[in-house]
């Protein structure tokens, strides 16, 4: 700051020193402004990944509950909107922080009499409103005693799909 600038601030009762140093050519960043996204619309390798890492089946008589551990593999918060599994669709609306993993009830109903459904689909979005789909291949294990099926595992099938892109 020049001597004249110092005197001008003193006379006008302004702070004598800036709280933040000015860098020539820099633009101020608002605290409420979201960070720039690293997502490039035509490059699936930049899409955030949300995936099923583990499944658990709880059987009770002719009734079954299936829980999935779902992990956010990205560096930004993701919102899980929906899961499609076993011919059903379940609204979720769950927030997952970066690298966070949570367990969710994804199916509740009668025991599985068939292994006909080989896909599971997660629909999710970023805080900025970009929508994505992650498909998983579903494999089953046959239960001889009850003559039913349980989900053995679900494996992510790449690439992630950009919805509305």
C-alpha atoms as a PDB file:
ATOM      1  CA  UNK A   1       0.000   0.000   0.000  1.00  0.00           C
ATOM      2  CA  UNK A   2       1.314   3.417  -0.905  1.00  0.00           C
ATOM      3  CA  UNK A   3       1.636   6.283   1.567  1.00  0.00           C
ATOM      4  CA  UNK A   4      -1.226   8.087  -0.137  1.00  0.00           C
ATOM      5  CA  UNK A   5      -3.427   4.984   0.019  1.00  0.00           C
ATOM      6  CA  UNK A   6      -2.615   4.672   3.713  1.00  0.00           C
ATOM      7  CA  UNK A   7      -3.533   8.328   4.350  1.00  0.00           C
ATOM      8  CA  UNK A   8      -6.754   8.007   2.318  1.00  0.00           C
ATOM      9  CA  UNK A   9      -7.881   4.997   4.394  1.00  0.00           C
ATOM     10  CA  UNK A  10      -6.954   6.762   7.627  1.00  0.00           C
ATOM     11  CA  UNK A  11      -8.981   9.868   6.725  1.00  0.00           C
ATOM     12  CA  UNK A  12     -11.991   7.827   5.537  1.00  0.00           C
ATOM     13  CA  UNK A  13     -11.947   5.641   8.703  1.00  0.00           C
ATOM     14  CA  UNK A  14     -11.426   2.464   6.679  1.00  0.00           C
ATOM     15  CA  UNK A  15      -9.353  -0.489   7.850  1.00  0.00           C
ATOM     16  CA  UNK A  16      -5.694   0.233   7.243  1.00  0.00           C
ATOM     17  CA  UNK A  17      -4.846  -3.311   6.170  1.00  0.00           C
ATOM     18  CA  UNK A  18      -6.825  -5.843   4.144  1.00  0.00           C
ATOM     19  CA  UNK A  19      -7.717  -9.028   5.991  1.00  0.00           C
ATOM     20  CA  UNK A  20      -6.925 -11.090   2.898  1.00  0.00           C
ATOM     21  CA  UNK A  21      -3.973 -10.362   0.643  1.00  0.00           C
ATOM     22  CA  UNK A  22      -4.834  -9.492  -2.951  1.00  0.00           C
ATOM     23  CA  UNK A  23      -3.282 -11.563  -5.698  1.00  0.00           C
ATOM     24  CA  UNK A  24      -3.135  -9.784  -8.996  1.00  0.00           C
ATOM     25  CA  UNK A  25      -5.440 -11.437 -11.530  1.00  0.00           C
ATOM     26  CA  UNK A  26      -7.225 -13.605  -8.938  1.00  0.00           C
ATOM     27  CA  UNK A  27     -10.987 -13.585  -8.681  1.00  0.00           C
ATOM     28  CA  UNK A  28     -12.611 -13.746  -5.254  1.00  0.00           C
ATOM     29  CA  UNK A  29     -14.371 -17.008  -4.395  1.00  0.00           C
ATOM     30  CA  UNK A  30     -17.648 -16.949  -2.496  1.00  0.00           C
ATOM     31  CA  UNK A  31     -17.922 -19.281   0.505  1.00  0.00           C
ATOM     32  CA  UNK A  32     -21.348 -20.420  -0.763  1.00  0.00           C
ATOM     33  CA  UNK A  33     -20.165 -21.165  -4.297  1.00  0.00           C
ATOM     34  CA  UNK A  34     -19.953 -24.910  -5.045  1.00  0.00           C
ATOM     35  CA  UNK A  35     -16.574 -26.193  -6.217  1.00  0.00           C
ATOM     36  CA  UNK A  36     -16.083 -26.691  -9.924  1.00  0.00           C
ATOM     37  CA  UNK A  37     -17.071 -30.173 -11.034  1.00  0.00           C
ATOM     38  CA  UNK A  38     -14.472 -32.538 -12.451  1.00  0.00           C
ATOM     39  CA  UNK A  39     -17.187 -34.335 -14.461  1.00  0.00           C
ATOM     40  CA  UNK A  40     -16.755 -34.172 -18.235  1.00  0.00           C
ATOM     41  CA  UNK A  41     -20.021 -35.134 -19.932  1.00  0.00           C
ATOM     42  CA  UNK A  42     -18.447 -37.200 -22.739  1.00  0.00           C
ATOM     43  CA  UNK A  43     -15.884 -38.990 -20.549  1.00  0.00           C
ATOM     44  CA  UNK A  44     -17.327 -41.839 -18.444  1.00  0.00           C
ATOM     45  CA  UNK A  45     -14.040 -42.180 -16.571  1.00  0.00           C
ATOM     46  CA  UNK A  46     -14.821 -38.841 -14.852  1.00  0.00           C
ATOM     47  CA  UNK A  47     -18.312 -39.882 -13.674  1.00  0.00           C
ATOM     48  CA  UNK A  48     -18.767 -40.426  -9.918  1.00  0.00           C
ATOM     49  CA  UNK A  49     -19.118 -44.075  -8.914  1.00  0.00           C
ATOM     50  CA  UNK A  50     -21.731 -45.410  -6.501  1.00  0.00           C
ATOM     51  CA  UNK A  51     -21.614 -49.174  -6.122  1.00  0.00           C
ATOM     52  CA  UNK A  52     -22.963 -52.129  -4.194  1.00  0.00           C
ATOM     53  CA  UNK A  53     -20.092 -53.718  -2.281  1.00  0.00           C
ATOM     54  CA  UNK A  54     -21.886 -56.442  -0.323  1.00  0.00           C
ATOM     55  CA  UNK A  55     -25.321 -58.045   0.078  1.00  0.00           C
ATOM     56  CA  UNK A  56     -26.952 -59.728   3.055  1.00  0.00           C
ATOM     57  CA  UNK A  57     -30.077 -61.867   2.935  1.00  0.00           C
ATOM     58  CA  UNK A  58     -32.283 -62.378   5.994  1.00  0.00           C
ATOM     59  CA  UNK A  59     -34.848 -65.158   5.616  1.00  0.00           C
ATOM     60  CA  UNK A  60     -37.858 -65.684   7.842  1.00  0.00           C
ATOM     61  CA  UNK A  61     -40.209 -68.439   6.692  1.00  0.00           C
ATOM     62  CA  UNK A  62     -41.449 -67.565   3.221  1.00  0.00           C
ATOM     63  CA  UNK A  63     -40.358 -63.932   3.667  1.00  0.00           C
ATOM     64  CA  UNK A  64     -36.948 -62.419   2.781  1.00  0.00           C
ATOM     65  CA  UNK A  65     -35.184 -59.093   3.352  1.00  0.00           C
ATOM     66  CA  UNK A  66     -32.169 -58.122   1.262  1.00  0.00           C
ATOM     67  CA  UNK A  67     -29.739 -55.479   2.481  1.00  0.00           C
ATOM     68  CA  UNK A  68     -27.000 -53.923   0.363  1.00  0.00           C
ATOM     69  CA  UNK A  69     -23.897 -52.057   1.413  1.00  0.00           C
ATOM     70  CA  UNK A  70     -23.604 -49.144  -0.994  1.00  0.00           C
ATOM     71  CA  UNK A  71     -20.372 -47.168  -1.251  1.00  0.00           C
ATOM     72  CA  UNK A  72     -19.675 -43.724  -2.695  1.00  0.00           C
ATOM     73  CA  UNK A  73     -16.325 -44.106  -4.466  1.00  0.00           C
ATOM     74  CA  UNK A  74     -16.190 -40.461  -5.560  1.00  0.00           C
ATOM     75  CA  UNK A  75     -14.748 -37.317  -4.001  1.00  0.00           C
ATOM     76  CA  UNK A  76     -18.114 -35.552  -3.788  1.00  0.00           C
ATOM     77  CA  UNK A  77     -21.403 -36.126  -1.989  1.00  0.00           C
ATOM     78  CA  UNK A  78     -23.866 -38.290  -3.922  1.00  0.00           C
ATOM     79  CA  UNK A  79     -27.602 -38.710  -3.423  1.00  0.00           C
ATOM     80  CA  UNK A  80     -29.004 -42.207  -4.010  1.00  0.00           C
ATOM     81  CA  UNK A  81     -32.462 -41.770  -5.530  1.00  0.00           C
ATOM     82  CA  UNK A  82     -33.613 -45.254  -6.491  1.00  0.00           C
ATOM     83  CA  UNK A  83     -32.627 -48.892  -6.725  1.00  0.00           C
ATOM     84  CA  UNK A  84     -34.172 -51.340  -9.185  1.00  0.00           C
ATOM     85  CA  UNK A  85     -33.786 -54.966  -8.171  1.00  0.00           C
ATOM     86  CA  UNK A  86     -35.728 -58.209  -8.668  1.00  0.00           C
ATOM     87  CA  UNK A  87     -38.384 -56.528 -10.789  1.00  0.00           C
ATOM     88  CA  UNK A  88     -39.072 -53.906  -8.105  1.00  0.00           C
ATOM     89  CA  UNK A  89     -38.143 -50.257  -7.691  1.00  0.00           C
ATOM     90  CA  UNK A  90     -37.452 -48.642  -4.313  1.00  0.00           C
ATOM     91  CA  UNK A  91     -37.167 -44.877  -3.758  1.00  0.00           C
ATOM     92  CA  UNK A  92     -34.238 -44.113  -1.465  1.00  0.00           C
ATOM     93  CA  UNK A  93     -33.208 -40.426  -1.255  1.00  0.00           C
ATOM     94  CA  UNK A  94     -30.095 -41.116   0.823  1.00  0.00           C
ATOM     95  CA  UNK A  95     -26.989 -38.931   1.063  1.00  0.00           C
ATOM     96  CA  UNK A  96     -23.586 -40.563   0.924  1.00  0.00           C
ATOM     97  CA  UNK A  97     -20.509 -38.502   1.694  1.00  0.00           C
ATOM     98  CA  UNK A  98     -17.276 -39.102  -0.271  1.00  0.00           C
ATOM     99  CA  UNK A  99     -15.937 -42.640   0.342  1.00  0.00           C
ATOM    100  CA  UNK A 100     -18.840 -43.347   2.721  1.00  0.00           C
ATOM    101  CA  UNK A 101     -20.535 -46.763   2.830  1.00  0.00           C
ATOM    102  CA  UNK A 102     -24.022 -47.376   4.235  1.00  0.00           C
ATOM    103  CA  UNK A 103     -26.330 -50.381   4.520  1.00  0.00           C
ATOM    104  CA  UNK A 104     -29.836 -50.133   3.042  1.00  0.00           C
ATOM    105  CA  UNK A 105     -32.865 -52.410   2.915  1.00  0.00           C
ATOM    106  CA  UNK A 106     -33.382 -52.806  -0.850  1.00  0.00           C
ATOM    107  CA  UNK A 107     -35.907 -55.633  -1.087  1.00  0.00           C
ATOM    108  CA  UNK A 108     -38.575 -57.047   1.205  1.00  0.00           C
ATOM    109  CA  UNK A 109     -40.996 -59.681   0.021  1.00  0.00           C
ATOM    110  CA  UNK A 110     -41.519 -63.362  -0.721  1.00  0.00           C
ATOM    111  CA  UNK A 111     -38.565 -65.726  -1.041  1.00  0.00           C
ATOM    112  CA  UNK A 112     -37.001 -65.784  -4.503  1.00  0.00           C
ATOM    113  CA  UNK A 113     -38.357 -68.654  -6.596  1.00  0.00           C
ATOM    114  CA  UNK A 114     -36.289 -67.765  -9.685  1.00  0.00           C
ATOM    115  CA  UNK A 115     -32.926 -66.390 -10.705  1.00  0.00           C
ATOM    116  CA  UNK A 116     -34.381 -64.578 -13.715  1.00  0.00           C
ATOM    117  CA  UNK A 117     -33.315 -61.044 -12.709  1.00  0.00           C
ATOM    118  CA  UNK A 118     -29.652 -60.539 -13.576  1.00  0.00           C
ATOM    119  CA  UNK A 119     -29.427 -56.735 -13.305  1.00  0.00           C
ATOM    120  CA  UNK A 120     -29.609 -54.262 -10.449  1.00  0.00           C
ATOM    121  CA  UNK A 121     -29.575 -50.541 -11.106  1.00  0.00           C
ATOM    122  CA  UNK A 122     -28.686 -47.600  -8.848  1.00  0.00           C
ATOM    123  CA  UNK A 123     -29.968 -44.153  -9.876  1.00  0.00           C
ATOM    124  CA  UNK A 124     -28.130 -41.306  -8.177  1.00  0.00           C
ATOM    125  CA  UNK A 125     -27.139 -37.679  -8.581  1.00  0.00           C
ATOM    126  CA  UNK A 126     -24.581 -35.137  -7.523  1.00  0.00           C
ATOM    127  CA  UNK A 127     -25.413 -32.096  -5.396  1.00  0.00           C
ATOM    128  CA  UNK A 128     -25.170 -30.061  -8.628  1.00  0.00           C
ATOM    129  CA  UNK A 129     -27.984 -32.143 -10.180  1.00  0.00           C
ATOM    130  CA  UNK A 130     -26.071 -34.422 -12.591  1.00  0.00           C
ATOM    131  CA  UNK A 131     -27.839 -37.820 -12.773  1.00  0.00           C
ATOM    132  CA  UNK A 132     -26.141 -41.202 -13.228  1.00  0.00           C
ATOM    133  CA  UNK A 133     -26.942 -44.938 -13.369  1.00  0.00           C
ATOM    134  CA  UNK A 134     -24.735 -47.748 -12.123  1.00  0.00           C
ATOM    135  CA  UNK A 135     -25.647 -51.249 -13.330  1.00  0.00           C
ATOM    136  CA  UNK A 136     -24.660 -54.357 -11.391  1.00  0.00           C
ATOM    137  CA  UNK A 137     -24.608 -57.990 -12.478  1.00  0.00           C
ATOM    138  CA  UNK A 138     -26.552 -60.161 -10.011  1.00  0.00           C
ATOM    139  CA  UNK A 139     -25.538 -63.761  -9.301  1.00  0.00           C
ATOM    140  CA  UNK A 140     -27.546 -66.194  -7.194  1.00  0.00           C
ATOM    141  CA  UNK A 141     -27.049 -69.193  -4.974  1.00  0.00           C
ATOM    142  CA  UNK A 142     -29.624 -71.985  -5.054  1.00  0.00           C
ATOM    143  CA  UNK A 143     -30.877 -73.229  -1.661  1.00  0.00           C
ATOM    144  CA  UNK A 144     -31.652 -76.961  -1.945  1.00  0.00           C
ATOM    145  CA  UNK A 145     -33.499 -77.178   1.368  1.00  0.00           C
ATOM    146  CA  UNK A 146     -36.067 -74.489   0.570  1.00  0.00           C
ATOM    147  CA  UNK A 147     -35.830 -74.709  -3.246  1.00  0.00           C
ATOM    148  CA  UNK A 148     -35.346 -70.931  -3.385  1.00  0.00           C
ATOM    149  CA  UNK A 149     -32.593 -68.540  -4.446  1.00  0.00           C
ATOM    150  CA  UNK A 150     -30.572 -65.993  -2.528  1.00  0.00           C
ATOM    151  CA  UNK A 151     -28.394 -63.275  -4.011  1.00  0.00           C
ATOM    152  CA  UNK A 152     -24.776 -64.355  -3.898  1.00  0.00           C
ATOM    153  CA  UNK A 153     -23.238 -61.068  -5.061  1.00  0.00           C
ATOM    154  CA  UNK A 154     -23.689 -57.966  -7.190  1.00  0.00           C
ATOM    155  CA  UNK A 155     -20.781 -56.708  -9.277  1.00  0.00           C
ATOM    156  CA  UNK A 156     -20.520 -53.246 -10.790  1.00  0.00           C
ATOM    157  CA  UNK A 157     -20.718 -53.203 -14.585  1.00  0.00           C
ATOM    158  CA  UNK A 158     -18.809 -50.311 -16.115  1.00  0.00           C
ATOM    159  CA  UNK A 159     -19.174 -47.806 -17.625  1.00  0.00           C
ATOM    160  CA  UNK A 160     -21.363 -45.636 -15.415  1.00  0.00           C
ATOM    161  CA  UNK A 161     -24.142 -44.079 -17.484  1.00  0.00           C
ATOM    162  CA  UNK A 162     -24.906 -40.375 -17.586  1.00  0.00           C
ATOM    163  CA  UNK A 163     -28.676 -39.852 -17.466  1.00  0.00           C
ATOM    164  CA  UNK A 164     -30.033 -36.746 -19.208  1.00  0.00           C
ATOM    165  CA  UNK A 165     -26.492 -36.045 -20.496  1.00  0.00           C
END
